[in-house]
Every structure is written in structure tokens, then in C-alpha cells.
PDB file of N, CA and C in Angstrom:
ATOM      1  N   MET A   1     147.368 102.321 164.558  1.00  0.00           N
ATOM      2  CA  MET A   1     146.311 102.171 164.871  1.00  0.00           C
ATOM      3  C   MET A   1     146.555 101.164 165.947  1.00  0.00           C
ATOM      4  N   LYS A   2     146.136 101.370 167.584  1.00  0.00           N
ATOM      5  CA  LYS A   2     145.894 100.735 168.823  1.00  0.00           C
ATOM      6  C   LYS A   2     145.262  99.547 168.198  1.00  0.00           C
ATOM      7  N   MET A   3     145.428  98.819 169.623  1.00  0.00           N
ATOM      8  CA  MET A   3     144.552  97.677 169.475  1.00  0.00           C
ATOM      9  C   MET A   3     142.970  97.276 169.428  1.00  0.00           C
ATOM     10  N   LYS A   4     142.892  98.833 170.405  1.00  0.00           N
ATOM     11  CA  LYS A   4     141.634  98.810 170.264  1.00  0.00           C
ATOM     12  C   LYS A   4     140.679  99.113 169.167  1.00  0.00           C
ATOM     13  N   GLU A   5     141.411  99.659 168.713  1.00  0.00           N
ATOM     14  CA  GLU A   5     140.972 100.402 167.185  1.00  0.00           C
ATOM     15  C   GLU A   5     140.462  99.455 166.545  1.00  0.00           C
ATOM     16  N   LEU A   6     141.370  98.307 166.262  1.00  0.00           N
ATOM     17  CA  LEU A   6     141.426  97.330 165.506  1.00  0.00           C
ATOM     18  C   LEU A   6     140.764  96.486 165.720  1.00  0.00           C
ATOM     19  N   ASP A   7     140.070  96.252 167.328  1.00  0.00           N
ATOM     20  CA  ASP A   7     139.238  95.457 167.837  1.00  0.00           C
ATOM     21  C   ASP A   7     137.789  96.031 167.453  1.00  0.00           C
ATOM     22  N   LYS A   8     137.584  97.098 167.542  1.00  0.00           N
ATOM     23  CA  LYS A   8     135.938  97.658 166.851  1.00  0.00           C
ATOM     24  C   LYS A   8     136.306  97.752 165.276  1.00  0.00           C
ATOM     25  N   LEU A   9     137.172  97.301 164.585  1.00  0.00           N
ATOM     26  CA  LEU A   9     136.986  97.207 163.034  1.00  0.00           C
ATOM     27  C   LEU A   9     136.425  95.474 162.965  1.00  0.00           C
ATOM     28  N   ALA A  10     137.588  95.373 163.514  1.00  0.00           N
ATOM     29  CA  ALA A  10     137.455  93.119 163.409  1.00  0.00           C
ATOM     30  C   ALA A  10     136.208  92.875 163.883  1.00  0.00           C
ATOM     31  N   LYS A  11     135.410  93.884 164.773  1.00  0.00           N
ATOM     32  CA  LYS A  11     133.564  93.094 165.709  1.00  0.00           C
ATOM     33  C   LYS A  11     132.917  93.656 164.736  1.00  0.00           C
ATOM     34  N   SER A  12     133.181  95.141 163.719  1.00  0.00           N
ATOM     35  CA  SER A  12     132.197  95.015 162.855  1.00  0.00           C
ATOM     36  C   SER A  12     132.587  94.407 161.647  1.00  0.00           C
ATOM     37  N   GLY A  13     133.739  93.473 161.028  1.00  0.00           N
ATOM     38  CA  GLY A  13     133.882  93.117 160.131  1.00  0.00           C
ATOM     39  C   GLY A  13     133.934  93.895 159.051  1.00  0.00           C
ATOM     40  N   GLU A  14     134.842  94.960 159.683  1.00  0.00           N
ATOM     41  CA  GLU A  14     135.345  96.049 158.439  1.00  0.00           C
ATOM     42  C   GLU A  14     136.528  95.018 157.792  1.00  0.00           C
ATOM     43  N   ASP A  15     136.982  95.374 156.289  1.00  0.00           N
ATOM     44  CA  ASP A  15     138.161  95.185 155.461  1.00  0.00           C
ATOM     45  C   ASP A  15     139.479  95.613 156.780  1.00  0.00           C
ATOM     46  N   LEU A  16     140.676  94.843 156.394  1.00  0.00           N
ATOM     47  CA  LEU A  16     141.759  95.277 156.844  1.00  0.00           C
ATOM     48  C   LEU A  16     142.031  96.764 156.331  1.00  0.00           C
ATOM     49  N   PRO A  17     143.058  97.682 157.091  1.00  0.00           N
ATOM     50  CA  PRO A  17     143.008  98.618 156.731  1.00  0.00           C
ATOM     51  C   PRO A  17     144.316  98.602 156.299  1.00  0.00           C
ATOM     52  N   GLN A  18     144.956  99.440 155.644  1.00  0.00           N
ATOM     53  CA  GLN A  18     146.068  99.506 154.828  1.00  0.00           C
ATOM     54  C   GLN A  18     147.388  99.828 156.063  1.00  0.00           C
ATOM     55  N   GLY A  19     148.503  98.996 155.939  1.00  0.00           N
ATOM     56  CA  GLY A  19     149.634  99.738 156.263  1.00  0.00           C
ATOM     57  C   GLY A  19     150.292  99.665 157.520  1.00  0.00           C
ATOM     58  N   LEU A  20     149.186  98.895 158.117  1.00  0.00           N
ATOM     59  CA  LEU A  20     149.454  98.241 159.018  1.00  0.00           C
ATOM     60  C   LEU A  20     150.623  97.520 159.421  1.00  0.00           C
ATOM     61  N   THR A  21     151.579  97.010 160.207  1.00  0.00           N
ATOM     62  CA  THR A  21     152.809  96.304 160.500  1.00  0.00           C
ATOM     63  C   THR A  21     151.838  94.592 160.313  1.00  0.00           C
ATOM     64  N   SER A  22     152.864  93.910 160.192  1.00  0.00           N
ATOM     65  CA  SER A  22     152.584  92.238 160.247  1.00  0.00           C
ATOM     66  C   SER A  22     151.984  92.332 161.785  1.00  0.00           C
ATOM     67  N   TYR A  23     152.120  92.403 162.653  1.00  0.00           N
ATOM     68  CA  TYR A  23     151.577  91.882 163.808  1.00  0.00           C
ATOM     69  C   TYR A  23     150.440  92.210 163.789  1.00  0.00           C
ATOM     70  N   LYS A  24     150.088  93.762 163.756  1.00  0.00           N
ATOM     71  CA  LYS A  24     148.648  94.074 163.596  1.00  0.00           C
ATOM     72  C   LYS A  24     147.964  93.401 162.743  1.00  0.00           C
ATOM     73  N   GLN A  25     148.349  93.165 161.450  1.00  0.00           N
ATOM     74  CA  GLN A  25     147.338  92.340 160.708  1.00  0.00           C
ATOM     75  C   GLN A  25     147.112  91.102 160.846  1.00  0.00           C
ATOM     76  N   ASN A  26     148.160  90.429 161.671  1.00  0.00           N
ATOM     77  CA  ASN A  26     147.634  89.610 162.116  1.00  0.00           C
ATOM     78  C   ASN A  26     147.019  89.487 163.151  1.00  0.00           C
ATOM     79  N   TYR A  27     146.929  90.360 163.953  1.00  0.00           N
ATOM     80  CA  TYR A  27     146.133  90.341 165.152  1.00  0.00           C
ATOM     81  C   TYR A  27     144.660  90.420 164.643  1.00  0.00           C
ATOM     82  N   TYR A  28     144.471  91.688 163.553  1.00  0.00           N
ATOM     83  CA  TYR A  28     143.000  91.756 163.490  1.00  0.00           C
ATOM     84  C   TYR A  28     142.280  90.511 162.379  1.00  0.00           C
ATOM     85  N   ILE A  29     143.189  89.908 161.710  1.00  0.00           N
ATOM     86  CA  ILE A  29     142.547  89.060 160.922  1.00  0.00           C
ATOM     87  C   ILE A  29     142.047  87.812 161.979  1.00  0.00           C
ATOM     88  N   ALA A  30     143.011  87.316 162.811  1.00  0.00           N
ATOM     89  CA  ALA A  30     142.708  86.448 163.877  1.00  0.00           C
ATOM     90  C   ALA A  30     141.673  87.273 164.745  1.00  0.00           C
ATOM     91  N   SER A  31     141.026  88.332 164.942  1.00  0.00           N
ATOM     92  CA  SER A  31     140.055  89.002 165.940  1.00  0.00           C
ATOM     93  C   SER A  31     139.088  88.969 164.748  1.00  0.00           C
ATOM     94  N   ARG A  32     138.970  88.947 163.780  1.00  0.00           N
ATOM     95  CA  ARG A  32     137.670  89.344 163.560  1.00  0.00           C
ATOM     96  C   ARG A  32     137.281  87.633 162.937  1.00  0.00           C
ATOM     97  N   GLY A  33     138.104  86.708 162.509  1.00  0.00           N
ATOM     98  CA  GLY A  33     137.918  85.420 162.516  1.00  0.00           C
ATOM     99  C   GLY A  33     136.611  85.038 163.831  1.00  0.00           C
ATOM    100  N   LEU A  34     137.926  85.242 164.969  1.00  0.00           N
ATOM    101  CA  LEU A  34     137.325  85.494 166.057  1.00  0.00           C
ATOM    102  C   LEU A  34     135.755  85.762 166.345  1.00  0.00           C
ATOM    103  N   TYR A  35     135.673  86.760 166.471  1.00  0.00           N
ATOM    104  CA  TYR A  35     134.931  87.339 166.419  1.00  0.00           C
ATOM    105  C   TYR A  35     133.570  87.004 165.567  1.00  0.00           C
ATOM    106  N   LYS A  36     133.762  86.262 164.682  1.00  0.00           N
ATOM    107  CA  LYS A  36     132.898  85.976 163.475  1.00  0.00           C
ATOM    108  C   LYS A  36     132.418  84.807 163.876  1.00  0.00           C
ATOM    109  N   GLN A  37     133.151  83.442 164.173  1.00  0.00           N
ATOM    110  CA  GLN A  37     132.929  82.225 164.773  1.00  0.00           C
ATOM    111  C   GLN A  37     132.331  82.449 166.369  1.00  0.00           C
ATOM    112  N   TYR A  38     132.394  83.423 167.370  1.00  0.00           N
ATOM    113  CA  TYR A  38     131.491  83.313 168.116  1.00  0.00           C
ATOM    114  C   TYR A  38     129.891  83.852 168.390  1.00  0.00           C
ATOM    115  N   GLU A  39     130.276  84.650 166.513  1.00  0.00           N
ATOM    116  CA  GLU A  39     128.669  85.251 166.348  1.00  0.00           C
ATOM    117  C   GLU A  39     127.823  84.031 166.104  1.00  0.00           C
ATOM    118  N   ARG A  40     128.564  82.742 164.963  1.00  0.00           N
ATOM    119  CA  ARG A  40     127.620  81.860 165.150  1.00  0.00           C
ATOM    120  C   ARG A  40     127.570  80.774 165.332  1.00  0.00           C
ATOM    121  N   GLY A  41     128.227  80.805 166.858  1.00  0.00           N
ATOM    122  CA  GLY A  41     128.052  79.668 167.603  1.00  0.00           C
ATOM    123  C   GLY A  41     128.989  78.661 167.414  1.00  0.00           C
ATOM    124  N   GLU A  42     130.039  78.937 166.573  1.00  0.00           N
ATOM    125  CA  GLU A  42     131.046  77.527 166.621  1.00  0.00           C
ATOM    126  C   GLU A  42     132.105  77.914 167.208  1.00  0.00           C
ATOM    127  N   ILE A  43     131.939  78.503 168.303  1.00  0.00           N
ATOM    128  CA  ILE A  43     132.677  78.636 169.964  1.00  0.00           C
ATOM    129  C   ILE A  43     132.217  79.207 170.988  1.00  0.00           C
ATOM    130  N   ASP A  44     132.173  78.743 171.982  1.00  0.00           N
ATOM    131  CA  ASP A  44     131.435  79.954 172.831  1.00  0.00           C
ATOM    132  C   ASP A  44     132.529  80.842 173.924  1.00  0.00           C
ATOM    133  N   LEU A  45     132.134  80.716 175.021  1.00  0.00           N
ATOM    134  CA  LEU A  45     132.684  82.197 175.292  1.00  0.00           C
ATOM    135  C   LEU A  45     133.999  82.191 176.127  1.00  0.00           C
ATOM    136  N   THR A  46     133.407  81.008 176.418  1.00  0.00           N
ATOM    137  CA  THR A  46     134.926  80.949 177.528  1.00  0.00           C
ATOM    138  C   THR A  46     136.444  80.377 176.218  1.00  0.00           C
ATOM    139  N   ARG A  47     135.813  80.121 175.628  1.00  0.00           N
ATOM    140  CA  ARG A  47     137.069  79.315 174.256  1.00  0.00           C
ATOM    141  C   ARG A  47     137.403  81.152 173.830  1.00  0.00           C
ATOM    142  N   ALA A  48     136.114  81.729 173.286  1.00  0.00           N
ATOM    143  CA  ALA A  48     136.732  82.572 172.842  1.00  0.00           C
ATOM    144  C   ALA A  48     137.465  84.153 173.772  1.00  0.00           C
ATOM    145  N   ARG A  49     137.147  83.495 174.934  1.00  0.00           N
ATOM    146  CA  ARG A  49     138.206  84.828 175.818  1.00  0.00           C
ATOM    147  C   ARG A  49     139.678  83.929 175.926  1.00  0.00           C
ATOM    148  N   GLN A  50     139.697  82.750 175.922  1.00  0.00           N
ATOM    149  CA  GLN A  50     141.157  82.381 175.773  1.00  0.00           C
ATOM    150  C   GLN A  50     141.859  82.420 174.684  1.00  0.00           C
ATOM    151  N   GLU A  51     141.238  82.655 173.439  1.00  0.00           N
ATOM    152  CA  GLU A  51     141.785  82.576 172.021  1.00  0.00           C
ATOM    153  C   GLU A  51     142.304  84.085 172.062  1.00  0.00           C
ATOM    154  N   LYS A  52     141.094  84.476 172.477  1.00  0.00           N
ATOM    155  CA  LYS A  52     141.427  86.043 172.903  1.00  0.00           C
ATOM    156  C   LYS A  52     142.658  86.797 173.340  1.00  0.00           C
ATOM    157  N   ALA A  53     143.168  85.981 174.394  1.00  0.00           N
ATOM    158  CA  ALA A  53     143.940  86.124 175.593  1.00  0.00           C
ATOM    159  C   ALA A  53     145.290  85.877 174.765  1.00  0.00           C
ATOM    160  N   GLU A  54     145.270  84.493 174.372  1.00  0.00           N
ATOM    161  CA  GLU A  54     146.467  84.613 173.405  1.00  0.00           C
ATOM    162  C   GLU A  54     146.872  84.968 172.377  1.00  0.00           C
ATOM    163  N   LEU A  55     145.363  86.076 171.625  1.00  0.00           N
ATOM    164  CA  LEU A  55     145.760  86.577 170.390  1.00  0.00           C
ATOM    165  C   LEU A  55     146.802  88.034 171.003  1.00  0.00           C
ATOM    166  N   ILE A  56     146.427  88.901 172.051  1.00  0.00           N
ATOM    167  CA  ILE A  56     146.331  89.578 173.307  1.00  0.00           C
ATOM    168  C   ILE A  56     147.796  89.711 173.156  1.00  0.00           C
ATOM    169  N   GLU A  57     148.858  88.470 174.014  1.00  0.00           N
ATOM    170  CA  GLU A  57     149.630  88.061 174.235  1.00  0.00           C
ATOM    171  C   GLU A  57     151.117  88.060 172.927  1.00  0.00           C
ATOM    172  N   ALA A  58     149.580  87.349 171.652  1.00  0.00           N
ATOM    173  CA  ALA A  58     150.613  87.486 170.221  1.00  0.00           C
ATOM    174  C   ALA A  58     150.831  89.289 170.268  1.00  0.00           C
ATOM    175  N   TYR A  59     150.295  89.560 170.236  1.00  0.00           N
ATOM    176  CA  TYR A  59     149.843  91.265 169.453  1.00  0.00           C
ATOM    177  C   TYR A  59     151.405  91.779 170.450  1.00  0.00           C
ATOM    178  N   LYS A  60     150.935  91.765 171.615  1.00  0.00           N
ATOM    179  CA  LYS A  60     152.014  92.531 172.527  1.00  0.00           C
ATOM    180  C   LYS A  60     153.771  91.906 172.730  1.00  0.00           C
ATOM    181  N   GLU A  61     153.812  90.949 172.222  1.00  0.00           N
ATOM    182  CA  GLU A  61     155.233  89.816 172.033  1.00  0.00           C
ATOM    183  C   GLU A  61     155.792  90.237 170.229  1.00  0.00           C
ATOM    184  N   GLY A  62     154.633  90.474 168.985  1.00  0.00           N
ATOM    185  CA  GLY A  62     154.923  91.480 168.010  1.00  0.00           C
ATOM    186  C   GLY A  62     155.419  92.891 168.415  1.00  0.00           C
ATOM    187  N   GLU A  63     154.827  93.715 168.996  1.00  0.00           N
ATOM    188  CA  GLU A  63     155.246  94.973 169.164  1.00  0.00           C
ATOM    189  C   GLU A  63     156.545  95.220 169.519  1.00  0.00           C
ATOM    190  N   TRP A  64     156.464  94.396 170.598  1.00  0.00           N
ATOM    191  CA  TRP A  64     158.179  94.138 171.439  1.00  0.00           C
ATOM    192  C   TRP A  64     159.218  94.238 170.400  1.00  0.00           C
ATOM    193  N   GLU A  65     158.534  93.494 169.181  1.00  0.00           N
ATOM    194  CA  GLU A  65     159.951  92.467 168.472  1.00  0.00           C
ATOM    195  C   GLU A  65     160.131  93.969 167.534  1.00  0.00           C
ATOM    196  N   TRP A  66     159.071  94.403 166.822  1.00  0.00           N
ATOM    197  CA  TRP A  66     159.191  95.493 165.979  1.00  0.00           C
ATOM    198  C   TRP A  66     159.671  97.118 166.600  1.00  0.00           C
ATOM    199  N   GLU A  67     159.278  96.776 167.988  1.00  0.00           N
ATOM    200  CA  GLU A  67     160.346  97.702 168.795  1.00  0.00           C
ATOM    201  C   GLU A  67     161.948  97.569 168.755  1.00  0.00           C
ATOM    202  N   TYR A  68     162.164  96.484 168.996  1.00  0.00           N
ATOM    203  CA  TYR A  68     163.617  95.954 168.960  1.00  0.00           C
ATOM    204  C   TYR A  68     164.408  96.275 167.913  1.00  0.00           C
ATOM    205  N   PHE A  69     163.742  95.674 166.457  1.00  0.00           N
ATOM    206  CA  PHE A  69     163.760  95.735 165.510  1.00  0.00           C
ATOM    207  C   PHE A  69     164.225  97.005 164.835  1.00  0.00           C
ATOM    208  N   LEU A  70     162.990  98.058 164.917  1.00  0.00           N
ATOM    209  CA  LEU A  70     163.800  98.994 164.668  1.00  0.00           C
ATOM    210  C   LEU A  70     164.625  99.746 164.953  1.00  0.00           C
ATOM    211  N   LYS A  71     165.502  99.901 166.660  1.00  0.00           N
ATOM    212  CA  LYS A  71     165.724 100.024 167.685  1.00  0.00           C
ATOM    213  C   LYS A  71     167.465  99.401 166.670  1.00  0.00           C
ATOM    214  N   LEU A  72     167.421  98.167 166.064  1.00  0.00           N
ATOM    215  CA  LEU A  72     168.541  97.631 166.229  1.00  0.00           C
ATOM    216  C   LEU A  72     168.602  98.242 164.683  1.00  0.00           C
ATOM    217  N   HIS A  73     168.208  98.901 163.767  1.00  0.00           N
ATOM    218  CA  HIS A  73     168.152  99.593 162.438  1.00  0.00           C
ATOM    219  C   HIS A  73     169.124 100.610 162.746  1.00  0.00           C
ATOM    220  N   GLU A  74     168.307 101.387 163.950  1.00  0.00           N
ATOM    221  CA  GLU A  74     169.390 102.885 164.731  1.00  0.00           C
ATOM    222  C   GLU A  74     170.036 102.459 164.729  1.00  0.00           C
ATOM    223  N   ILE A  75     170.952 101.458 165.414  1.00  0.00           N
ATOM    224  CA  ILE A  75     172.471 101.447 165.942  1.00  0.00           C
ATOM    225  C   ILE A  75     173.442 100.821 164.535  1.00  0.00           C
ATOM    226  N   MET A  76     172.340 100.315 163.478  1.00  0.00           N
ATOM    227  CA  MET A  76     172.887  99.943 162.343  1.00  0.00           C
ATOM    228  C   MET A  76     173.621 101.355 161.045  1.00  0.00           C
ATOM    229  N   ASP A  77     172.572 101.842 161.259  1.00  0.00           N
ATOM    230  CA  ASP A  77     172.602 103.246 160.976  1.00  0.00           C
ATOM    231  C   ASP A  77     173.949 104.001 161.582  1.00  0.00           C
ATOM    232  N   LYS A  78     173.775 104.294 163.008  1.00  0.00           N
ATOM    233  CA  LYS A  78     175.142 105.105 163.780  1.00  0.00           C
ATOM    234  C   LYS A  78     176.279 103.770 162.964  1.00  0.00           C
ATOM    235  N   LEU A  79     176.416 102.623 163.206  1.00  0.00           N
ATOM    236  CA  LEU A  79     177.116 101.856 163.041  1.00  0.00           C
ATOM    237  C   LEU A  79     178.174 102.110 161.466  1.00  0.00           C
ATOM    238  N   GLN A  80     176.880 102.021 160.589  1.00  0.00           N
ATOM    239  CA  GLN A  80     177.304 102.648 159.043  1.00  0.00           C
ATOM    240  C   GLN A  80     178.241 103.682 158.438  1.00  0.00           C
ATOM    241  N   GLN A  81     177.508 104.876 159.287  1.00  0.00           N
ATOM    242  CA  GLN A  81     178.129 105.797 159.528  1.00  0.00           C
ATOM    243  C   GLN A  81     179.207 106.126 159.742  1.00  0.00           C
ATOM    244  N   LEU A  82     179.651 105.220 161.137  1.00  0.00           N
ATOM    245  CA  LEU A  82     181.011 105.543 161.723  1.00  0.00           C
ATOM    246  C   LEU A  82     182.107 104.796 160.499  1.00  0.00           C
ATOM    247  N   ALA A  83     181.413 103.762 159.962  1.00  0.00           N
ATOM    248  CA  ALA A  83     182.319 103.334 159.111  1.00  0.00           C
ATOM    249  C   ALA A  83     182.424 104.020 158.094  1.00  0.00           C
ATOM    250  N   LYS A  84     181.477 105.169 157.778  1.00  0.00           N
ATOM    251  CA  LYS A  84     182.174 105.875 156.543  1.00  0.00           C
ATOM    252  C   LYS A  84     182.831 107.218 156.698  1.00  0.00           C
ATOM    253  N   GLU A  85     182.441 107.434 158.735  1.00  0.00           N
ATOM    254  CA  GLU A  85     183.345 108.848 158.712  1.00  0.00           C
ATOM    255  C   GLU A  85     184.549 108.444 158.901  1.00  0.00           C
ATOM    256  N   GLY A  86     184.911 107.023 160.075  1.00  0.00           N
ATOM    257  CA  GLY A  86     185.637 106.909 160.482  1.00  0.00           C
ATOM    258  C   GLY A  86     185.393 107.369 162.283  1.00  0.00           C
ATOM    259  N   PHE A  87     186.417 107.753 162.464  1.00  0.00           N
ATOM    260  CA  PHE A  87     186.267 108.178 164.484  1.00  0.00           C
ATOM    261  C   PHE A  87     185.350 109.238 164.621  1.00  0.00           C
ATOM    262  N   ASN A  88     184.252 109.021 165.723  1.00  0.00           N
ATOM    263  CA  ASN A  88     183.748 110.276 165.742  1.00  0.00           C
ATOM    264  C   ASN A  88     183.225 109.965 167.444  1.00  0.00           C
ATOM    265  N   SER A  89     183.452 110.408 168.130  1.00  0.00           N
ATOM    266  CA  SER A  89     183.296 110.352 169.565  1.00  0.00           C
ATOM    267  C   SER A  89     181.535 110.327 170.338  1.00  0.00           C
ATOM    268  N   VAL A  90     180.850 111.373 169.517  1.00  0.00           N
ATOM    269  CA  VAL A  90     179.287 111.334 169.466  1.00  0.00           C
ATOM    270  C   VAL A  90     178.689 110.972 169.192  1.00  0.00           C
ATOM    271  N   ILE A  91     178.865 109.770 167.522  1.00  0.00           N
ATOM    272  CA  ILE A  91     177.975 109.056 167.471  1.00  0.00           C
ATOM    273  C   ILE A  91     178.536 107.697 167.939  1.00  0.00           C
ATOM    274  N   GLU A  92     179.827 107.187 168.272  1.00  0.00           N
ATOM    275  CA  GLU A  92     180.150 105.934 169.202  1.00  0.00           C
ATOM    276  C   GLU A  92     179.557 106.400 170.914  1.00  0.00           C
ATOM    277  N   PHE A  93     179.430 107.252 171.036  1.00  0.00           N
ATOM    278  CA  PHE A  93     178.615 107.474 172.637  1.00  0.00           C
ATOM    279  C   PHE A  93     176.952 107.129 171.987  1.00  0.00           C
ATOM    280  N   GLU A  94     176.231 107.655 171.060  1.00  0.00           N
ATOM    281  CA  GLU A  94     175.088 107.582 170.648  1.00  0.00           C
ATOM    282  C   GLU A  94     175.043 105.713 170.164  1.00  0.00           C
ATOM    283  N   VAL A  95     176.015 104.882 169.677  1.00  0.00           N
ATOM    284  CA  VAL A  95     175.630 103.689 169.368  1.00  0.00           C
ATOM    285  C   VAL A  95     175.642 102.951 170.745  1.00  0.00           C
ATOM    286  N   LEU A  96     176.313 103.682 172.201  1.00  0.00           N
ATOM    287  CA  LEU A  96     176.327 102.894 172.781  1.00  0.00           C
ATOM    288  C   LEU A  96     174.891 102.816 174.078  1.00  0.00           C
ATOM    289  N   GLU A  97     174.549 104.094 173.515  1.00  0.00           N
ATOM    290  CA  GLU A  97     173.308 104.577 174.650  1.00  0.00           C
ATOM    291  C   GLU A  97     172.009 103.790 173.376  1.00  0.00           C
ATOM    292  N   LEU A  98     172.094 103.622 172.546  1.00  0.00           N
ATOM    293  CA  LEU A  98     171.213 103.084 171.967  1.00  0.00           C
ATOM    294  C   LEU A  98     171.413 101.481 172.227  1.00  0.00           C
ATOM    295  N   ILE A  99     172.307 100.472 172.545  1.00  0.00           N
ATOM    296  CA  ILE A  99     172.774  99.296 172.838  1.00  0.00           C
ATOM    297  C   ILE A  99     172.093  99.209 174.337  1.00  0.00           C
ATOM    298  N   GLU A 100     172.623 100.639 175.080  1.00  0.00           N
ATOM    299  CA  GLU A 100     172.173 100.204 176.896  1.00  0.00           C
ATOM    300  C   GLU A 100     170.475 100.163 176.338  1.00  0.00           C
ATOM    301  N   VAL A 101     169.446 100.765 176.072  1.00  0.00           N
ATOM    302  CA  VAL A 101     168.373 100.924 176.067  1.00  0.00           C
ATOM    303  C   VAL A 101     167.900  99.453 175.314  1.00  0.00           C
ATOM    304  N   LEU A 102     168.730  98.306 174.353  1.00  0.00           N
ATOM    305  CA  LEU A 102     168.303  97.434 173.650  1.00  0.00           C
ATOM    306  C   LEU A 102     168.023  96.398 174.710  1.00  0.00           C
ATOM    307  N   LEU A 103     169.171  96.923 176.182  1.00  0.00           N
ATOM    308  CA  LEU A 103     169.140  95.635 176.623  1.00  0.00           C
ATOM    309  C   LEU A 103     168.711  95.656 178.333  1.00  0.00           C
ATOM    310  N   LYS A 104     167.885  97.072 178.110  1.00  0.00           N
ATOM    311  CA  LYS A 104     167.128  97.171 179.378  1.00  0.00           C
ATOM    312  C   LYS A 104     165.805  96.249 179.308  1.00  0.00           C
TER     313      LYS A 104
END
């Protein structure tokens, strides 16, 4: 589920969608609260926009961290395969390619 979809649901006050990654859950819950605070007049538009910008940055950082985590797991899987099977230049090359992607 993309950020825009989460925003649409949060604005309408829907329940937390199931199966979201933790950074998406955090974004959704915080956005829903922000919309409610603005609707009730607890915060003004300027503050709502500032806080929304912070939420978007946190979402992007969480998304990057999640993708990085998944790539690290790919490397770990390949390294475990190497440890189990022994020398294999194809797998070693795949590990190096995965590491190169991570370093970009």
C-alpha cells in the first residue's frame, strides 16, 4: 500500500489496514491522528503541514531502512548457502553484486 492510499484511509478515519510494515503502520497512525487534530481545531494548517512533512520524511527513511534490511537478508541467505555448499563462484559473484547494490 502506497503513501497516498494510506493518507486517503487515514483522512477518512478508517481502521489500521492489516499486514503493513512497521514504518507504514507508524505513518498511518500518526497521519490519522494529525487529520483528527486538524479537524477538531487543535492545530492550525501551518503546524499540520509542518508535522505532515516530518511524517513524510520518517516514512521515506523507514522505507529505505526496510529495503536495506531486505537486501541484507538476501546477502545473508547467499552466505549461508556458501557456508553449506562450499566454494561456488556463481554464488560468490551474486553476493558481491548484492553488496555493490547496497553500497550505492
